[in-house]
Amino acid sequence: MIHCRFFLSAIFFSVAFTSVSLKDGYDSLQWGKRLVGKLLTTIAQASPLDCAEECLVRPGCLSFNYKRAAIFCELNYENDTRSNTRLKDGDGWIYGQKEHWPIEITEECKNIKCALNQKCIRNSYLSTRCELAHCNTGWICKDKGNCYRRISTPLMTQEAAMKSCRICDSYLVEINDTEESDWLTENVLKNVSCVNMYECTTWTGGNDKEREGSYIWEYSRSPIKNLKWSRGNPDAVYPDKDCVDMFYFGEFNDRPCNHKNGFMCERDGN
């Protein structure tokens, strides 16, 4: 406990020379406490200050729980005052309320008014935008490469999935080679499994809507090459199977485009 308190104190003194004081925020933290049942989202690899800032840029966030050992936080859509919910004892947890932290630490976002389901994003110096809050969580990025995110619910048709990805400045995943396919299987799809493999497939951006048997990636308009199709696929016997989904073990399947699946979005790395 002592070394953790020292760590937070060190952070405070390191920023004490800035024009923004974080003393009230750190002083208000409640050690060994956690608000449960009000989870908005989680943030990995974060410090308490990161958690406070993430909460400040989201109108829908009112408090946060920070787990010291795991270095991550839970953002809550309520606080213990508004929800009339008593805080729970939690070893290793720290609880903080949004109202105790200065909005100035969010820099350009301090003057931006986003909707409850959005968060403020800093694009570059003095440039901001409001983005759906879920767009910035759950991404898994390749080293010096693109980022990927699988959405399991709600299940969507391929067209609806495309629109959902587009909202988050991304597109339905496009697989260029077996190395990328293997990486996605090992990293993004590793927790996906089901007894019937056809019940938990994942939409990609592939289709042959324009010309039967000539598959392309919808976003880049490039031809699909070197996919590891599952046995018997693509199946030309059923001409309505124009869209491509992916099994959790890395093979591909053609499917009617109006089937409702989970889906994977891809966005270009920075």
Protein backbone atom coordinates (compact mmCIF):
# COMPACT_ATOMS: atom_id res chain seq x y z
CA MET A 1 0.00 0.00 0.00
CA ILE A 2 2.79 2.43 0.94
CA HIS A 3 4.71 1.98 -2.29
CA CYS A 4 1.52 2.47 -4.33
CA ARG A 5 0.70 5.68 -2.47
CA PHE A 6 4.25 6.83 -3.09
CA PHE A 7 3.80 6.05 -6.79
CA LEU A 8 0.68 8.21 -7.03
CA SER A 9 2.33 10.98 -5.07
CA ALA A 10 5.26 10.91 -7.46
CA ILE A 11 2.89 11.31 -10.40
CA PHE A 12 1.25 14.27 -8.71
CA PHE A 13 4.52 16.06 -8.05
CA SER A 14 5.70 15.35 -11.59
CA VAL A 15 2.79 17.37 -12.96
CA ALA A 16 2.73 19.99 -10.23
CA PHE A 17 4.66 22.38 -12.41
CA THR A 18 1.90 22.50 -15.02
CA SER A 19 -0.94 25.01 -14.91
CA VAL A 20 -3.41 22.28 -13.93
CA SER A 21 -3.56 20.95 -10.37
CA LEU A 22 -4.46 17.29 -9.93
CA LYS A 23 -4.35 17.39 -6.14
CA ASP A 24 -8.12 17.30 -5.63
CA GLY A 25 -8.43 14.35 -7.96
CA TYR A 26 -5.73 12.26 -6.27
CA ASP A 27 -6.87 13.27 -2.78
CA SER A 28 -10.41 12.09 -3.55
CA LEU A 29 -9.41 8.57 -4.64
CA GLN A 30 -10.88 5.90 -2.37
CA TRP A 31 -8.46 3.04 -1.80
CA GLY A 32 -9.77 -0.50 -1.54
CA LYS A 33 -13.18 0.51 -2.97
CA ARG A 34 -15.02 -0.33 -6.19
CA LEU A 35 -18.40 0.53 -7.74
CA VAL A 36 -19.88 -2.66 -9.22
CA GLY A 37 -22.71 -3.29 -11.66
CA LYS A 38 -22.41 0.06 -13.47
CA LEU A 39 -19.78 -0.82 -16.08
CA LEU A 40 -19.56 1.32 -19.21
CA THR A 41 -16.31 -0.02 -20.68
CA THR A 42 -12.78 -1.05 -19.71
CA ILE A 43 -9.44 0.56 -20.56
CA ALA A 44 -6.26 -1.55 -20.62
CA GLN A 45 -2.69 -0.48 -19.84
CA ALA A 46 -3.83 2.65 -18.05
CA SER A 47 -2.75 4.75 -15.08
CA PRO A 48 -5.21 6.41 -12.68
CA LEU A 49 -4.67 9.66 -14.58
CA ASP A 50 -5.45 7.91 -17.89
CA CYS A 51 -8.67 6.60 -16.35
CA ALA A 52 -9.69 10.06 -15.17
CA GLU A 53 -8.99 11.56 -18.60
CA GLU A 54 -10.90 8.80 -20.41
CA CYS A 55 -13.86 9.44 -18.13
CA LEU A 56 -13.69 13.21 -18.66
CA VAL A 57 -13.90 12.95 -22.46
CA ARG A 58 -17.01 10.70 -22.25
CA PRO A 59 -20.25 12.44 -21.19
CA GLY A 60 -21.67 9.00 -20.36
CA CYS A 61 -18.95 8.29 -17.76
CA LEU A 62 -19.31 9.46 -14.16
CA SER A 63 -16.69 7.45 -12.24
CA PHE A 64 -13.97 4.83 -12.58
CA ASN A 65 -12.46 1.83 -10.79
CA TYR A 66 -8.71 1.30 -11.13
CA LYS A 67 -7.04 -2.08 -10.55
CA ARG A 68 -3.47 -1.56 -9.48
CA ALA A 69 -2.05 -5.04 -10.12
CA ALA A 70 -3.62 -5.40 -13.57
CA ILE A 71 -2.97 -1.77 -14.63
CA PHE A 72 -6.43 -1.27 -16.11
CA CYS A 73 -9.62 0.56 -15.24
CA GLU A 74 -13.38 0.22 -15.47
CA LEU A 75 -15.36 3.28 -16.52
CA ASN A 76 -18.80 3.53 -14.90
CA TYR A 77 -21.98 5.18 -16.16
CA GLU A 78 -22.93 6.08 -12.57
CA ASN A 79 -21.17 7.15 -9.40
CA ASP A 80 -21.93 6.09 -5.85
CA THR A 81 -23.78 9.35 -5.12
CA ARG A 82 -26.19 9.30 -8.06
CA SER A 83 -26.86 5.57 -8.11
CA ASN A 84 -27.38 5.28 -4.33
CA THR A 85 -25.15 2.22 -4.56
CA ARG A 86 -22.71 1.54 -1.79
CA LEU A 87 -19.14 0.97 -2.80
CA LYS A 88 -17.82 -2.56 -2.37
CA ASP A 89 -14.59 -3.44 -0.63
CA GLY A 90 -12.08 -4.58 -3.21
CA ASP A 91 -8.48 -5.51 -2.55
CA GLY A 92 -6.22 -3.69 -4.99
CA TRP A 93 -8.97 -1.42 -6.33
CA ILE A 94 -9.14 2.39 -6.32
CA TYR A 95 -12.37 4.32 -6.92
CA GLY A 96 -12.56 7.84 -8.33
CA GLN A 97 -15.29 10.25 -9.39
CA LYS A 98 -15.18 12.29 -12.57
CA GLU A 99 -16.30 15.51 -10.86
CA HIS A 100 -13.10 15.70 -8.79
CA TRP A 101 -10.81 15.98 -11.83
CA PRO A 102 -10.17 19.18 -13.83
CA ILE A 103 -11.51 19.14 -17.40
CA GLU A 104 -8.39 21.09 -18.44
CA ILE A 105 -6.31 17.88 -18.49
CA THR A 106 -8.21 16.86 -21.63
CA GLU A 107 -6.66 19.83 -23.45
CA GLU A 108 -8.54 20.51 -26.74
CA CYS A 109 -11.49 18.36 -25.67
CA LYS A 110 -12.41 20.64 -22.79
CA ASN A 111 -14.65 22.79 -25.02
CA ILE A 112 -16.22 19.98 -27.06
CA LYS A 113 -19.76 18.83 -26.26
CA CYS A 114 -20.34 15.22 -27.31
CA ALA A 115 -23.48 13.10 -26.98
CA LEU A 116 -23.85 10.61 -24.12
CA ASN A 117 -22.81 7.68 -26.31
CA GLN A 118 -19.77 9.49 -27.72
CA LYS A 119 -16.30 10.50 -26.61
CA CYS A 120 -14.03 13.32 -27.68
CA ILE A 121 -11.05 12.23 -29.81
CA ARG A 122 -7.98 14.35 -30.45
CA ASN A 123 -7.02 13.88 -34.11
CA SER A 124 -3.96 16.09 -34.01
CA TYR A 125 -2.81 19.36 -32.47
CA LEU A 126 -5.87 21.59 -31.95
CA SER A 127 -8.10 19.18 -33.89
CA THR A 128 -10.90 17.16 -32.23
CA ARG A 129 -14.03 15.23 -33.10
CA CYS A 130 -16.83 13.34 -31.37
CA GLU A 131 -16.83 9.60 -32.00
CA LEU A 132 -19.08 6.79 -30.80
CA ALA A 133 -17.46 5.76 -27.52
CA HIS A 134 -17.29 2.07 -28.41
CA CYS A 135 -15.17 2.85 -31.46
CA ASN A 136 -12.04 3.33 -29.39
CA THR A 137 -12.12 0.11 -27.36
CA GLY A 138 -11.50 -3.55 -28.09
CA TRP A 139 -9.00 -3.13 -30.93
CA ILE A 140 -6.08 -5.55 -31.29
CA CYS A 141 -3.20 -4.19 -33.34
CA LYS A 142 -0.43 -5.92 -35.20
CA ASP A 143 3.07 -4.66 -34.52
CA LYS A 144 3.48 -1.68 -36.88
CA GLY A 145 0.35 -2.79 -38.69
CA ASN A 146 -3.42 -2.47 -38.85
CA CYS A 147 -5.88 -2.88 -35.98
CA TYR A 148 -8.78 -5.32 -35.77
CA ARG A 149 -11.90 -5.65 -33.66
CA ARG A 150 -14.46 -8.46 -33.62
CA ILE A 151 -18.06 -7.60 -32.70
CA SER A 152 -20.10 -10.59 -31.56
CA THR A 153 -23.38 -8.83 -30.75
CA PRO A 154 -25.66 -7.80 -32.23
CA LEU A 155 -25.45 -10.23 -35.15
CA MET A 156 -25.76 -8.43 -38.49
CA THR A 157 -26.09 -8.99 -42.22
CA GLN A 158 -22.92 -8.24 -44.16
CA GLU A 159 -24.28 -4.90 -45.38
CA ALA A 160 -25.26 -3.80 -41.87
CA ALA A 161 -21.85 -4.91 -40.58
CA MET A 162 -20.16 -2.78 -43.25
CA LYS A 163 -22.11 0.27 -42.09
CA SER A 164 -21.25 -0.44 -38.45
CA CYS A 165 -17.54 -0.59 -39.26
CA ARG A 166 -17.79 2.59 -41.32
CA ILE A 167 -19.17 4.50 -38.31
CA CYS A 168 -15.87 3.79 -36.55
CA ASP A 169 -13.72 4.87 -39.52
CA SER A 170 -12.98 1.25 -40.41
CA TYR A 171 -14.12 -1.44 -42.85
CA LEU A 172 -14.95 -5.14 -42.84
CA VAL A 173 -11.71 -7.07 -42.56
CA GLU A 174 -9.74 -7.88 -45.71
CA ILE A 175 -7.24 -10.74 -45.52
CA ASN A 176 -4.30 -10.45 -47.88
CA ASP A 177 -2.33 -13.60 -47.11
CA THR A 178 -2.11 -16.68 -44.89
CA GLU A 179 0.18 -14.87 -42.44
CA GLU A 180 -2.53 -12.32 -41.74
CA SER A 181 -5.18 -15.04 -41.53
CA ASP A 182 -3.08 -17.02 -39.03
CA TRP A 183 -2.45 -13.88 -36.95
CA LEU A 184 -6.17 -13.10 -36.79
CA THR A 185 -6.95 -16.68 -35.76
CA GLU A 186 -4.37 -16.60 -32.97
CA ASN A 187 -5.12 -13.12 -31.67
CA VAL A 188 -8.58 -11.81 -32.60
CA LEU A 189 -10.53 -15.08 -32.87
CA LYS A 190 -8.77 -17.00 -30.10
CA ASN A 191 -11.76 -16.81 -27.73
CA VAL A 192 -14.36 -17.69 -30.37
CA SER A 193 -15.63 -21.28 -30.49
CA CYS A 194 -18.88 -23.20 -30.80
CA VAL A 195 -20.10 -26.79 -31.17
CA ASN A 196 -21.45 -26.10 -34.67
CA MET A 197 -18.76 -24.15 -36.48
CA TYR A 198 -21.37 -22.49 -38.72
CA GLU A 199 -22.99 -20.78 -35.72
CA CYS A 200 -20.07 -18.50 -34.81
CA THR A 201 -18.59 -17.41 -38.12
CA THR A 202 -17.33 -13.87 -38.68
CA TRP A 203 -18.15 -11.60 -41.60
CA THR A 204 -15.27 -10.40 -43.76
CA GLY A 205 -15.55 -7.81 -46.52
CA GLY A 206 -15.43 -10.38 -49.35
CA ASN A 207 -18.13 -11.06 -51.93
CA ASP A 208 -18.83 -12.07 -55.54
CA LYS A 209 -21.98 -9.98 -55.98
CA GLU A 210 -20.84 -8.42 -59.26
CA ARG A 211 -19.70 -11.57 -61.01
CA GLU A 212 -20.40 -15.11 -59.81
CA GLY A 213 -17.17 -16.82 -58.78
CA SER A 214 -15.04 -13.64 -58.96
CA TYR A 215 -14.51 -12.67 -55.33
CA ILE A 216 -13.33 -9.20 -54.37
CA TRP A 217 -12.77 -7.23 -51.17
CA GLU A 218 -15.53 -4.62 -51.00
CA TYR A 219 -13.50 -1.79 -49.45
CA SER A 220 -10.34 -1.95 -51.57
CA ARG A 221 -12.05 -3.46 -54.65
CA SER A 222 -9.07 -5.81 -55.00
CA PRO A 223 -9.47 -9.48 -56.06
CA ILE A 224 -9.41 -12.09 -53.31
CA LYS A 225 -6.39 -14.37 -53.54
CA ASN A 226 -4.91 -17.21 -51.53
CA LEU A 227 -7.78 -17.71 -49.08
CA LYS A 228 -7.86 -21.04 -47.30
CA TRP A 229 -11.40 -22.08 -48.15
CA SER A 230 -13.06 -24.75 -46.02
CA ARG A 231 -13.75 -28.07 -47.70
CA GLY A 232 -16.38 -27.78 -50.45
CA ASN A 233 -16.31 -23.99 -50.53
CA PRO A 234 -16.96 -21.74 -52.27
CA ASP A 235 -20.09 -23.61 -53.24
CA ALA A 236 -21.33 -22.62 -56.69
CA VAL A 237 -24.34 -24.93 -56.34
CA TYR A 238 -26.06 -22.18 -54.33
CA PRO A 239 -25.73 -18.93 -56.33
CA ASP A 240 -27.16 -16.78 -53.50
CA LYS A 241 -24.09 -17.45 -51.34
CA ASP A 242 -22.32 -14.27 -52.41
CA CYS A 243 -20.57 -13.16 -49.20
CA VAL A 244 -17.52 -14.48 -47.38
CA ASP A 245 -17.30 -15.26 -43.69
CA MET A 246 -14.53 -16.81 -41.62
CA PHE A 247 -14.46 -19.75 -39.24
CA TYR A 248 -12.72 -19.28 -35.90
CA PHE A 249 -9.98 -21.73 -36.95
CA GLY A 250 -8.97 -19.62 -39.96
CA GLU A 251 -10.78 -21.16 -42.93
CA PHE A 252 -13.33 -19.38 -45.11
CA ASN A 253 -16.88 -20.03 -46.23
CA ASP A 254 -19.38 -18.50 -48.68
CA ARG A 255 -22.71 -17.51 -47.18
CA PRO A 256 -25.93 -15.68 -48.17
CA CYS A 257 -25.30 -12.00 -47.51
CA ASN A 258 -28.49 -11.60 -45.47
CA HIS A 259 -27.32 -14.17 -42.91
CA LYS A 260 -26.66 -12.57 -39.52
CA ASN A 261 -23.14 -13.04 -38.19
CA GLY A 262 -20.62 -11.58 -35.86
CA PHE A 263 -18.14 -9.45 -37.82
CA MET A 264 -14.62 -8.07 -37.78
CA CYS A 265 -13.67 -4.47 -38.51
CA GLU A 266 -10.22 -3.42 -39.67
CA ARG A 267 -8.68 0.03 -39.64
CA ASP A 268 -5.38 1.30 -40.88
CA GLY A 269 -2.60 1.63 -38.35
CA ASN A 270 -1.12 4.99 -37.49
